[in-house]
Amino acid sequence: MVPNGRTYPNGFLSGARAVLKTRIITALAVLPIVLVALFAFPNWAWDIFTLGIVLAACWEWSRFCQFEAPHKIRYFIFSTLLCGAIFYAYLDGKSIVSIALIGFTFGAIFWFVVAPVWLARSARPQSYTVKTLTGWVIIFPTWLALLVLHDISPWLLLTFAVIVWVADVFAYFVGKAIGKNKLAPAISPGKTIEGALGGMAGVVLYFFLWQLLAQTEPFRVETWVLQLQAQGYWLLAVFVLLGVLSVQGDLFESWMKRGANLKDSSNLLPGHGGILDRIDALTSTLPVAGLYVLFLFARLI
């Protein structure tokens, strides 16, 4: 018997403990690698590191779309060629900002217009061409954001990424504690309206905590920190907007998995699923954050 009064078979509880143990071990193994890459790698090495993430995400997207083997191979080849073109532009340094602006714009249009309509109408991309373009519009603007934001400061990239994690953690615990009304039962039965509101409350709390941390050394002398702080409560609105978008990114990935009858995007991260399972909310938030930064920090790029 467990605290909520339900009775579960011993096998169920043992399986749940095993999954939790696997998740913890994977997290402890992966997190140090990501932190070292984020703060210790030079920009070009960070580009290569994240390139691996992008290619894995493209492979997982082909699973969502249930491409036939020839289509999977073709999609992966074209995705690799696009990665090469972006990598070359990044090393050249002259056109990457223009490419990023285009990518962020298409990403923003998708998450503000296309994705909400598809979710509202219970629709998914159908043709091979639409599926291909959808995957690229989701994945490549995210990669460009990882590059551009990291180039300004790894701490700037982390500032926006933490919004997603805070919203997710607060939504989980608030939803478990008081969640009753389902947010999108046909897509993700575990999510509740109360949990989503709790996630936004967590983002607001994070905003004020970030403001306090920004006053400490060495952050208070950083140009990017000063420019963000100068936005006042407009920055709070951006934080909350990104929090809302993180929920949409999570829901859209879940919707695509459900259409492919998949529980996880892959098994690349034991206990956690795949790459897209881990970055789903980042795909909807980082491109918009990148677009915001390009306009606000134009002289820093």
C-alpha atoms as a PDB file:
ATOM      1  CA  MET A   1       0.000   0.000   0.000  1.00  0.00           C
ATOM      2  CA  VAL A   2       1.295   3.479  -0.895  1.00  0.00           C
ATOM      3  CA  PRO A   3       0.330   6.862   0.641  1.00  0.00           C
ATOM      4  CA  ASN A   4      -2.376   7.668  -1.899  1.00  0.00           C
ATOM      5  CA  GLY A   5      -4.265   4.540  -0.889  1.00  0.00           C
ATOM      6  CA  ARG A   6      -3.680   2.595  -4.094  1.00  0.00           C
ATOM      7  CA  THR A   7      -2.283  -0.896  -4.116  1.00  0.00           C
ATOM      8  CA  TYR A   8       0.324  -1.817  -6.706  1.00  0.00           C
ATOM      9  CA  PRO A   9       1.902  -5.182  -7.503  1.00  0.00           C
ATOM     10  CA  ASN A  10       5.421  -5.625  -6.194  1.00  0.00           C
ATOM     11  CA  GLY A  11       6.646  -5.991  -9.763  1.00  0.00           C
ATOM     12  CA  PHE A  12       5.250  -2.554 -10.640  1.00  0.00           C
ATOM     13  CA  LEU A  13       7.029  -0.882  -7.727  1.00  0.00           C
ATOM     14  CA  SER A  14      10.266  -2.726  -8.468  1.00  0.00           C
ATOM     15  CA  GLY A  15      10.058  -1.637 -12.098  1.00  0.00           C
ATOM     16  CA  ALA A  16       9.425   1.970 -11.104  1.00  0.00           C
ATOM     17  CA  ARG A  17      12.433   1.924  -8.776  1.00  0.00           C
ATOM     18  CA  ALA A  18      14.599   0.423 -11.520  1.00  0.00           C
ATOM     19  CA  VAL A  19      13.542   3.138 -13.983  1.00  0.00           C
ATOM     20  CA  LEU A  20      14.227   5.857 -11.406  1.00  0.00           C
ATOM     21  CA  LYS A  21      17.653   4.371 -10.670  1.00  0.00           C
ATOM     22  CA  THR A  22      18.458   4.267 -14.383  1.00  0.00           C
ATOM     23  CA  ARG A  23      17.334   7.878 -14.831  1.00  0.00           C
ATOM     24  CA  ILE A  24      19.541   9.041 -11.968  1.00  0.00           C
ATOM     25  CA  ILE A  25      22.600   7.144 -13.233  1.00  0.00           C
ATOM     26  CA  THR A  26      22.138   8.527 -16.755  1.00  0.00           C
ATOM     27  CA  ALA A  27      21.670  12.062 -15.449  1.00  0.00           C
ATOM     28  CA  LEU A  28      24.798  11.827 -13.293  1.00  0.00           C
ATOM     29  CA  ALA A  29      26.762  10.595 -16.286  1.00  0.00           C
ATOM     30  CA  VAL A  30      25.451  13.092 -18.850  1.00  0.00           C
ATOM     31  CA  LEU A  31      25.168  16.298 -16.797  1.00  0.00           C
ATOM     32  CA  PRO A  32      28.925  16.755 -16.143  1.00  0.00           C
ATOM     33  CA  ILE A  33      29.629  16.246 -19.857  1.00  0.00           C
ATOM     34  CA  VAL A  34      27.075  18.890 -20.839  1.00  0.00           C
ATOM     35  CA  LEU A  35      28.369  21.378 -18.234  1.00  0.00           C
ATOM     36  CA  VAL A  36      31.986  20.899 -19.317  1.00  0.00           C
ATOM     37  CA  ALA A  37      30.985  21.367 -22.951  1.00  0.00           C
ATOM     38  CA  LEU A  38      28.908  24.447 -22.116  1.00  0.00           C
ATOM     39  CA  PHE A  39      31.522  26.291 -20.059  1.00  0.00           C
ATOM     40  CA  ALA A  40      34.898  24.830 -21.050  1.00  0.00           C
ATOM     41  CA  PHE A  41      34.631  24.121 -24.773  1.00  0.00           C
ATOM     42  CA  PRO A  42      35.643  26.857 -27.245  1.00  0.00           C
ATOM     43  CA  ASN A  43      32.849  27.987 -29.525  1.00  0.00           C
ATOM     44  CA  TRP A  44      33.840  25.711 -32.433  1.00  0.00           C
ATOM     45  CA  ALA A  45      33.982  22.665 -30.136  1.00  0.00           C
ATOM     46  CA  TRP A  46      30.568  23.525 -28.708  1.00  0.00           C
ATOM     47  CA  ASP A  47      29.332  23.661 -32.312  1.00  0.00           C
ATOM     48  CA  ILE A  48      30.598  20.127 -32.957  1.00  0.00           C
ATOM     49  CA  PHE A  49      29.233  18.856 -29.631  1.00  0.00           C
ATOM     50  CA  THR A  50      25.760  20.204 -30.362  1.00  0.00           C
ATOM     51  CA  LEU A  51      26.018  18.966 -33.954  1.00  0.00           C
ATOM     52  CA  GLY A  52      25.877  15.429 -32.590  1.00  0.00           C
ATOM     53  CA  ILE A  53      22.707  16.323 -30.695  1.00  0.00           C
ATOM     54  CA  VAL A  54      21.146  17.765 -33.849  1.00  0.00           C
ATOM     55  CA  LEU A  55      21.896  14.718 -35.987  1.00  0.00           C
ATOM     56  CA  ALA A  56      20.490  12.413 -33.302  1.00  0.00           C
ATOM     57  CA  ALA A  57      17.358  14.581 -33.138  1.00  0.00           C
ATOM     58  CA  CYS A  58      16.963  14.374 -36.922  1.00  0.00           C
ATOM     59  CA  TRP A  59      17.181  10.583 -36.771  1.00  0.00           C
ATOM     60  CA  GLU A  60      14.537  10.521 -34.024  1.00  0.00           C
ATOM     61  CA  TRP A  61      12.294  12.833 -36.028  1.00  0.00           C
ATOM     62  CA  SER A  62      12.360  10.352 -38.901  1.00  0.00           C
ATOM     63  CA  ARG A  63      11.006   7.774 -36.429  1.00  0.00           C
ATOM     64  CA  PHE A  64       8.166  10.128 -35.485  1.00  0.00           C
ATOM     65  CA  CYS A  65       7.292  10.483 -39.158  1.00  0.00           C
ATOM     66  CA  GLN A  66       7.475   6.724 -39.759  1.00  0.00           C
ATOM     67  CA  PHE A  67       9.503   7.200 -42.917  1.00  0.00           C
ATOM     68  CA  GLU A  68      10.258   4.149 -45.021  1.00  0.00           C
ATOM     69  CA  ALA A  69      13.939   3.143 -45.004  1.00  0.00           C
ATOM     70  CA  PRO A  70      14.843   5.003 -48.263  1.00  0.00           C
ATOM     71  CA  HIS A  71      13.132   8.153 -46.997  1.00  0.00           C
ATOM     72  CA  LYS A  72      14.942   7.891 -43.658  1.00  0.00           C
ATOM     73  CA  ILE A  73      18.285   7.668 -45.412  1.00  0.00           C
ATOM     74  CA  ARG A  74      17.447  10.563 -47.736  1.00  0.00           C
ATOM     75  CA  TYR A  75      16.241  12.703 -44.845  1.00  0.00           C
ATOM     76  CA  PHE A  76      19.361  12.024 -42.812  1.00  0.00           C
ATOM     77  CA  ILE A  77      21.671  12.780 -45.767  1.00  0.00           C
ATOM     78  CA  PHE A  78      19.947  16.100 -46.505  1.00  0.00           C
ATOM     79  CA  SER A  79      19.972  16.955 -42.785  1.00  0.00           C
ATOM     80  CA  THR A  80      23.708  16.241 -42.617  1.00  0.00           C
ATOM     81  CA  LEU A  81      24.339  18.460 -45.638  1.00  0.00           C
ATOM     82  CA  LEU A  82      22.382  21.270 -43.988  1.00  0.00           C
ATOM     83  CA  CYS A  83      24.443  20.796 -40.831  1.00  0.00           C
ATOM     84  CA  GLY A  84      27.604  21.077 -42.902  1.00  0.00           C
ATOM     85  CA  ALA A  85      26.407  24.305 -44.535  1.00  0.00           C
ATOM     86  CA  ILE A  86      25.526  25.829 -41.160  1.00  0.00           C
ATOM     87  CA  PHE A  87      28.846  24.706 -39.674  1.00  0.00           C
ATOM     88  CA  TYR A  88      30.739  26.287 -42.573  1.00  0.00           C
ATOM     89  CA  ALA A  89      28.795  29.549 -42.166  1.00  0.00           C
ATOM     90  CA  TYR A  90      29.527  29.472 -38.445  1.00  0.00           C
ATOM     91  CA  LEU A  91      33.272  29.064 -38.982  1.00  0.00           C
ATOM     92  CA  ASP A  92      33.239  31.778 -41.650  1.00  0.00           C
ATOM     93  CA  GLY A  93      31.444  34.048 -39.196  1.00  0.00           C
ATOM     94  CA  LYS A  94      30.089  36.489 -41.769  1.00  0.00           C
ATOM     95  CA  SER A  95      26.676  35.039 -42.538  1.00  0.00           C
ATOM     96  CA  ILE A  96      25.762  33.036 -39.449  1.00  0.00           C
ATOM     97  CA  VAL A  97      23.768  35.882 -37.879  1.00  0.00           C
ATOM     98  CA  SER A  98      21.691  36.321 -41.043  1.00  0.00           C
ATOM     99  CA  ILE A  99      21.100  32.556 -41.214  1.00  0.00           C
ATOM    100  CA  ALA A 100      20.168  32.548 -37.524  1.00  0.00           C
ATOM    101  CA  LEU A 101      17.703  35.406 -38.029  1.00  0.00           C
ATOM    102  CA  ILE A 102      15.994  33.498 -40.831  1.00  0.00           C
ATOM    103  CA  GLY A 103      15.930  30.314 -38.771  1.00  0.00           C
ATOM    104  CA  PHE A 104      14.565  32.039 -35.670  1.00  0.00           C
ATOM    105  CA  THR A 105      11.875  33.772 -37.718  1.00  0.00           C
ATOM    106  CA  PHE A 106      10.653  30.513 -39.250  1.00  0.00           C
ATOM    107  CA  GLY A 107      10.853  28.849 -35.845  1.00  0.00           C
ATOM    108  CA  ALA A 108       8.784  31.610 -34.239  1.00  0.00           C
ATOM    109  CA  ILE A 109       6.164  31.422 -36.998  1.00  0.00           C
ATOM    110  CA  PHE A 110       5.901  27.674 -36.507  1.00  0.00           C
ATOM    111  CA  TRP A 111       5.483  27.836 -32.717  1.00  0.00           C
ATOM    112  CA  PHE A 112       3.177  30.858 -32.677  1.00  0.00           C
ATOM    113  CA  VAL A 113       0.991  29.913 -35.650  1.00  0.00           C
ATOM    114  CA  VAL A 114       1.409  26.413 -37.105  1.00  0.00           C
ATOM    115  CA  ALA A 115       1.881  24.258 -34.004  1.00  0.00           C
ATOM    116  CA  PRO A 116      -1.094  25.775 -32.085  1.00  0.00           C
ATOM    117  CA  VAL A 117      -3.369  25.218 -35.085  1.00  0.00           C
ATOM    118  CA  TRP A 118      -2.243  21.620 -35.529  1.00  0.00           C
ATOM    119  CA  LEU A 119      -2.675  20.864 -31.832  1.00  0.00           C
ATOM    120  CA  ALA A 120      -6.096  22.538 -31.731  1.00  0.00           C
ATOM    121  CA  ARG A 121      -7.262  20.567 -34.774  1.00  0.00           C
ATOM    122  CA  SER A 122      -5.574  17.308 -33.730  1.00  0.00           C
ATOM    123  CA  ALA A 123      -3.594  17.429 -36.977  1.00  0.00           C
ATOM    124  CA  ARG A 124      -0.088  16.314 -37.879  1.00  0.00           C
ATOM    125  CA  PRO A 125       2.158  16.884 -40.917  1.00  0.00           C
ATOM    126  CA  GLN A 126       1.163  14.387 -43.602  1.00  0.00           C
ATOM    127  CA  SER A 127       3.282  14.449 -46.753  1.00  0.00           C
ATOM    128  CA  TYR A 128       6.976  13.567 -46.832  1.00  0.00           C
ATOM    129  CA  THR A 129       7.855  17.137 -47.800  1.00  0.00           C
ATOM    130  CA  VAL A 130       5.844  18.711 -44.978  1.00  0.00           C
ATOM    131  CA  LYS A 131       7.212  16.233 -42.451  1.00  0.00           C
ATOM    132  CA  THR A 132      10.757  16.956 -43.612  1.00  0.00           C
ATOM    133  CA  LEU A 133      10.370  20.736 -43.455  1.00  0.00           C
ATOM    134  CA  THR A 134       8.628  20.531 -40.071  1.00  0.00           C
ATOM    135  CA  GLY A 135      11.530  18.587 -38.599  1.00  0.00           C
ATOM    136  CA  TRP A 136      14.032  21.105 -39.907  1.00  0.00           C
ATOM    137  CA  VAL A 137      12.006  24.083 -38.660  1.00  0.00           C
ATOM    138  CA  ILE A 138      11.894  22.490 -35.210  1.00  0.00           C
ATOM    139  CA  ILE A 139      15.499  21.259 -34.946  1.00  0.00           C
ATOM    140  CA  PHE A 140      17.757  23.657 -36.858  1.00  0.00           C
ATOM    141  CA  PRO A 141      16.576  26.953 -35.294  1.00  0.00           C
ATOM    142  CA  THR A 142      17.198  25.290 -31.929  1.00  0.00           C
ATOM    143  CA  TRP A 143      20.772  24.490 -32.971  1.00  0.00           C
ATOM    144  CA  LEU A 144      21.300  28.046 -34.225  1.00  0.00           C
ATOM    145  CA  ALA A 145      20.080  29.364 -30.871  1.00  0.00           C
ATOM    146  CA  LEU A 146      22.510  27.065 -29.042  1.00  0.00           C
ATOM    147  CA  LEU A 147      25.327  28.532 -31.143  1.00  0.00           C
ATOM    148  CA  VAL A 148      24.405  32.232 -31.112  1.00  0.00           C
ATOM    149  CA  LEU A 149      23.474  32.436 -27.428  1.00  0.00           C
ATOM    150  CA  HIS A 150      26.580  30.469 -26.420  1.00  0.00           C
ATOM    151  CA  ASP A 151      28.784  32.796 -28.459  1.00  0.00           C
ATOM    152  CA  ILE A 152      27.544  35.777 -26.449  1.00  0.00           C
ATOM    153  CA  SER A 153      27.863  33.953 -23.138  1.00  0.00           C
ATOM    154  CA  PRO A 154      27.254  30.404 -21.920  1.00  0.00           C
ATOM    155  CA  TRP A 155      25.485  32.019 -18.970  1.00  0.00           C
ATOM    156  CA  LEU A 156      23.062  33.753 -21.346  1.00  0.00           C
ATOM    157  CA  LEU A 157      22.195  30.419 -22.931  1.00  0.00           C
ATOM    158  CA  LEU A 158      21.757  28.900 -19.474  1.00  0.00           C
ATOM    159  CA  THR A 159      19.551  31.825 -18.397  1.00  0.00           C
ATOM    160  CA  PHE A 160      16.957  30.939 -21.020  1.00  0.00           C
ATOM    161  CA  ALA A 161      17.353  27.169 -20.741  1.00  0.00           C
ATOM    162  CA  VAL A 162      16.663  27.284 -16.997  1.00  0.00           C
ATOM    163  CA  ILE A 163      13.231  28.808 -17.726  1.00  0.00           C
ATOM    164  CA  VAL A 164      12.250  25.524 -19.365  1.00  0.00           C
ATOM    165  CA  TRP A 165      13.560  23.372 -16.526  1.00  0.00           C
ATOM    166  CA  VAL A 166      11.957  25.526 -13.818  1.00  0.00           C
ATOM    167  CA  ALA A 167       8.590  25.463 -15.605  1.00  0.00           C
ATOM    168  CA  ASP A 168       8.806  21.681 -15.973  1.00  0.00           C
ATOM    169  CA  VAL A 169       9.804  20.991 -12.355  1.00  0.00           C
ATOM    170  CA  PHE A 170       7.184  23.298 -10.828  1.00  0.00           C
ATOM    171  CA  ALA A 171       4.500  21.956 -13.173  1.00  0.00           C
ATOM    172  CA  TYR A 172       5.332  18.391 -12.166  1.00  0.00           C
ATOM    173  CA  PHE A 173       5.187  18.936  -8.411  1.00  0.00           C
ATOM    174  CA  VAL A 174       2.192  21.287  -8.423  1.00  0.00           C
ATOM    175  CA  GLY A 175       0.362  18.936 -10.782  1.00  0.00           C
ATOM    176  CA  LYS A 176       1.078  15.969  -8.521  1.00  0.00           C
ATOM    177  CA  ALA A 177      -0.051  17.893  -5.454  1.00  0.00           C
ATOM    178  CA  ILE A 178      -3.246  19.625  -6.594  1.00  0.00           C
ATOM    179  CA  GLY A 179      -3.731  18.841 -10.291  1.00  0.00           C
ATOM    180  CA  LYS A 180      -7.308  17.867 -11.172  1.00  0.00           C
ATOM    181  CA  ASN A 181      -8.180  19.460 -14.511  1.00  0.00           C
ATOM    182  CA  LYS A 182      -6.459  17.928 -17.530  1.00  0.00           C
ATOM    183  CA  LEU A 183      -4.597  20.331 -19.790  1.00  0.00           C
ATOM    184  CA  ALA A 184      -4.619  18.207 -22.959  1.00  0.00           C
ATOM    185  CA  PRO A 185      -5.911  14.706 -22.140  1.00  0.00           C
ATOM    186  CA  ALA A 186      -5.799  13.498 -25.746  1.00  0.00           C
ATOM    187  CA  ILE A 187      -2.115  14.413 -26.018  1.00  0.00           C
ATOM    188  CA  SER A 188      -0.536  14.118 -22.587  1.00  0.00           C
ATOM    189  CA  PRO A 189      -2.951  12.750 -19.950  1.00  0.00           C
ATOM    190  CA  GLY A 190      -0.581  13.489 -17.077  1.00  0.00           C
ATOM    191  CA  LYS A 191      -0.490  17.253 -17.586  1.00  0.00           C
ATOM    192  CA  THR A 192      -2.961  19.442 -15.693  1.00  0.00           C
ATOM    193  CA  ILE A 193      -4.008  23.079 -15.873  1.00  0.00           C
ATOM    194  CA  GLU A 194      -2.989  23.510 -12.234  1.00  0.00           C
ATOM    195  CA  GLY A 195       0.439  22.089 -13.032  1.00  0.00           C
ATOM    196  CA  ALA A 196       0.885  24.449 -15.981  1.00  0.00           C
ATOM    197  CA  LEU A 197      -0.070  27.439 -13.828  1.00  0.00           C
ATOM    198  CA  GLY A 198       2.337  26.215 -11.173  1.00  0.00           C
ATOM    199  CA  GLY A 199       5.038  26.092 -13.814  1.00  0.00           C
ATOM    200  CA  MET A 200       4.386  29.725 -14.746  1.00  0.00           C
ATOM    201  CA  ALA A 201       4.514  30.686 -11.062  1.00  0.00           C
ATOM    202  CA  GLY A 202       7.896  28.992 -10.901  1.00  0.00           C
ATOM    203  CA  VAL A 203       9.083  31.023 -13.893  1.00  0.00           C
ATOM    204  CA  VAL A 204       8.022  34.252 -12.186  1.00  0.00           C
ATOM    205  CA  LEU A 205       9.903  33.206  -9.054  1.00  0.00           C
ATOM    206  CA  TYR A 206      12.959  32.384 -11.191  1.00  0.00           C
ATOM    207  CA  PHE A 207      12.795  35.843 -12.800  1.00  0.00           C
ATOM    208  CA  PHE A 208      13.147  37.587  -9.446  1.00  0.00           C
ATOM    209  CA  LEU A 209      15.861  35.162  -8.352  1.00  0.00           C
ATOM    210  CA  TRP A 210      17.733  35.835 -11.604  1.00  0.00           C
ATOM    211  CA  GLN A 211      17.504  39.570 -10.937  1.00  0.00           C
ATOM    212  CA  LEU A 212      19.142  39.038  -7.546  1.00  0.00           C
ATOM    213  CA  LEU A 213      21.891  36.843  -8.992  1.00  0.00           C
ATOM    214  CA  ALA A 214      22.519  39.388 -11.738  1.00  0.00           C
ATOM    215  CA  GLN A 215      23.533  41.902  -9.048  1.00  0.00           C
ATOM    216  CA  THR A 216      26.413  39.708  -7.886  1.00  0.00           C
ATOM    217  CA  GLU A 217      29.956  39.494  -9.197  1.00  0.00           C
ATOM    218  CA  PRO A 218      30.924  38.934 -11.934  1.00  0.00           C
ATOM    219  CA  PHE A 219      27.516  39.159 -13.622  1.00  0.00           C
ATOM    220  CA  ARG A 220      26.637  42.757 -12.779  1.00  0.00           C
ATOM    221  CA  VAL A 221      29.380  44.105 -15.068  1.00  0.00           C
ATOM    222  CA  GLU A 222      28.475  41.893 -18.026  1.00  0.00           C
ATOM    223  CA  THR A 223      27.032  43.874 -20.930  1.00  0.00           C
ATOM    224  CA  TRP A 224      24.432  41.244 -21.766  1.00  0.00           C
ATOM    225  CA  VAL A 225      23.223  41.232 -18.141  1.00  0.00           C
ATOM    226  CA  LEU A 226      22.893  45.015 -18.089  1.00  0.00           C
ATOM    227  CA  GLN A 227      20.915  44.987 -21.329  1.00  0.00           C
ATOM    228  CA  LEU A 228      18.549  42.333 -20.065  1.00  0.00           C
ATOM    229  CA  GLN A 229      18.031  44.140 -16.770  1.00  0.00           C
ATOM    230  CA  ALA A 230      17.300  47.368 -18.636  1.00  0.00           C
ATOM    231  CA  GLN A 231      14.153  45.720 -20.044  1.00  0.00           C
ATOM    232  CA  GLY A 232      12.532  45.729 -16.600  1.00  0.00           C
ATOM    233  CA  TYR A 233       9.215  43.922 -16.452  1.00  0.00           C
ATOM    234  CA  TRP A 234       9.235  43.409 -20.209  1.00  0.00           C
ATOM    235  CA  LEU A 235      11.858  40.783 -19.479  1.00  0.00           C
ATOM    236  CA  LEU A 236       9.435  39.140 -17.047  1.00  0.00           C
ATOM    237  CA  ALA A 237       6.888  38.982 -19.870  1.00  0.00           C
ATOM    238  CA  VAL A 238       9.489  37.309 -22.086  1.00  0.00           C
ATOM    239  CA  PHE A 239      10.293  34.778 -19.349  1.00  0.00           C
ATOM    240  CA  VAL A 240       6.597  33.891 -18.933  1.00  0.00           C
ATOM    241  CA  LEU A 241       6.067  33.708 -22.701  1.00  0.00           C
ATOM    242  CA  LEU A 242       8.979  31.295 -22.995  1.00  0.00           C
ATOM    243  CA  GLY A 243       7.512  29.280 -20.127  1.00  0.00           C
ATOM    244  CA  VAL A 244       4.227  28.983 -22.011  1.00  0.00           C
ATOM    245  CA  LEU A 245       6.038  27.992 -25.201  1.00  0.00           C
ATOM    246  CA  SER A 246       7.929  25.297 -23.299  1.00  0.00           C
ATOM    247  CA  VAL A 247       4.614  23.613 -22.498  1.00  0.00           C
ATOM    248  CA  GLN A 248       3.612  23.771 -26.148  1.00  0.00           C
ATOM    249  CA  GLY A 249       6.917  22.244 -27.269  1.00  0.00           C
ATOM    250  CA  ASP A 250       6.441  19.389 -24.818  1.00  0.00           C
ATOM    251  CA  LEU A 251       2.859  18.819 -25.986  1.00  0.00           C
ATOM    252  CA  PHE A 252       3.773  18.876 -29.671  1.00  0.00           C
ATOM    253  CA  GLU A 253       6.520  16.286 -29.230  1.00  0.00           C
ATOM    254  CA  SER A 254       4.114  14.102 -27.245  1.00  0.00           C
ATOM    255  CA  TRP A 255       1.523  14.512 -30.009  1.00  0.00           C
ATOM    256  CA  MET A 256       4.016  13.395 -32.660  1.00  0.00           C
ATOM    257  CA  LYS A 257       5.070  10.390 -30.566  1.00  0.00           C
ATOM    258  CA  ARG A 258       1.456   9.402 -30.041  1.00  0.00           C
ATOM    259  CA  GLY A 259       0.885   9.473 -33.797  1.00  0.00           C
ATOM    260  CA  ALA A 260       3.816   7.092 -34.265  1.00  0.00           C
ATOM    261  CA  ASN A 261       2.784   4.879 -31.319  1.00  0.00           C
ATOM    262  CA  LEU A 262       6.081   5.604 -29.580  1.00  0.00           C
ATOM    263  CA  LYS A 263       6.622   5.982 -25.853  1.00  0.00           C
ATOM    264  CA  ASP A 264      10.030   7.635 -26.265  1.00  0.00           C
ATOM    265  CA  SER A 265      11.761   9.302 -29.195  1.00  0.00           C
ATOM    266  CA  SER A 266      14.520   6.663 -28.857  1.00  0.00           C
ATOM    267  CA  ASN A 267      16.545   4.790 -26.235  1.00  0.00           C
ATOM    268  CA  LEU A 268      19.708   6.868 -26.549  1.00  0.00           C
ATOM    269  CA  LEU A 269      19.440   8.079 -22.934  1.00  0.00           C
ATOM    270  CA  PRO A 270      18.494   5.123 -20.705  1.00  0.00           C
ATOM    271  CA  GLY A 271      15.638   6.023 -18.403  1.00  0.00           C
ATOM    272  CA  HIS A 272      15.097   9.353 -20.149  1.00  0.00           C
ATOM    273  CA  GLY A 273      14.184   8.296 -23.665  1.00  0.00           C
ATOM    274  CA  GLY A 274      15.834  10.111 -26.534  1.00  0.00           C
ATOM    275  CA  ILE A 275      17.311  13.463 -27.445  1.00  0.00           C
ATOM    276  CA  LEU A 276      13.976  14.964 -28.518  1.00  0.00           C
ATOM    277  CA  ASP A 277      12.458  13.826 -25.222  1.00  0.00           C
ATOM    278  CA  ARG A 278      15.060  15.957 -23.430  1.00  0.00           C
ATOM    279  CA  ILE A 279      15.049  19.021 -25.695  1.00  0.00           C
ATOM    280  CA  ASP A 280      11.369  19.113 -26.741  1.00  0.00           C
ATOM    281  CA  ALA A 281      10.617  22.237 -24.690  1.00  0.00           C
ATOM    282  CA  LEU A 282      13.893  23.868 -25.744  1.00  0.00           C
ATOM    283  CA  THR A 283      12.925  23.561 -29.413  1.00  0.00           C
ATOM    284  CA  SER A 284       9.983  25.902 -28.861  1.00  0.00           C
ATOM    285  CA  THR A 285      11.727  28.362 -26.528  1.00  0.00           C
ATOM    286  CA  LEU A 286      15.346  28.852 -27.604  1.00  0.00           C
ATOM    287  CA  PRO A 287      14.583  30.041 -31.175  1.00  0.00           C
ATOM    288  CA  VAL A 288      12.209  32.689 -29.794  1.00  0.00           C
ATOM    289  CA  ALA A 289      14.788  33.646 -27.167  1.00  0.00           C
ATOM    290  CA  GLY A 290      17.365  33.842 -29.964  1.00  0.00           C
ATOM    291  CA  LEU A 291      15.125  36.131 -32.006  1.00  0.00           C
ATOM    292  CA  TYR A 292      14.661  38.363 -28.963  1.00  0.00           C
ATOM    293  CA  VAL A 293      18.414  38.467 -28.401  1.00  0.00           C
ATOM    294  CA  LEU A 294      19.240  39.278 -32.026  1.00  0.00           C
ATOM    295  CA  PHE A 295      17.088  42.397 -31.884  1.00  0.00           C
ATOM    296  CA  LEU A 296      18.104  43.393 -28.376  1.00  0.00           C
ATOM    297  CA  PHE A 297      21.810  42.563 -28.531  1.00  0.00           C
ATOM    298  CA  ALA A 298      22.529  43.279 -32.189  1.00  0.00           C
ATOM    299  CA  ARG A 299      25.826  44.991 -31.419  1.00  0.00           C
ATOM    300  CA  LEU A 300      27.049  42.063 -29.291  1.00  0.00           C
ATOM    301  CA  ILE A 301      26.737  39.467 -32.046  1.00  0.00           C
END
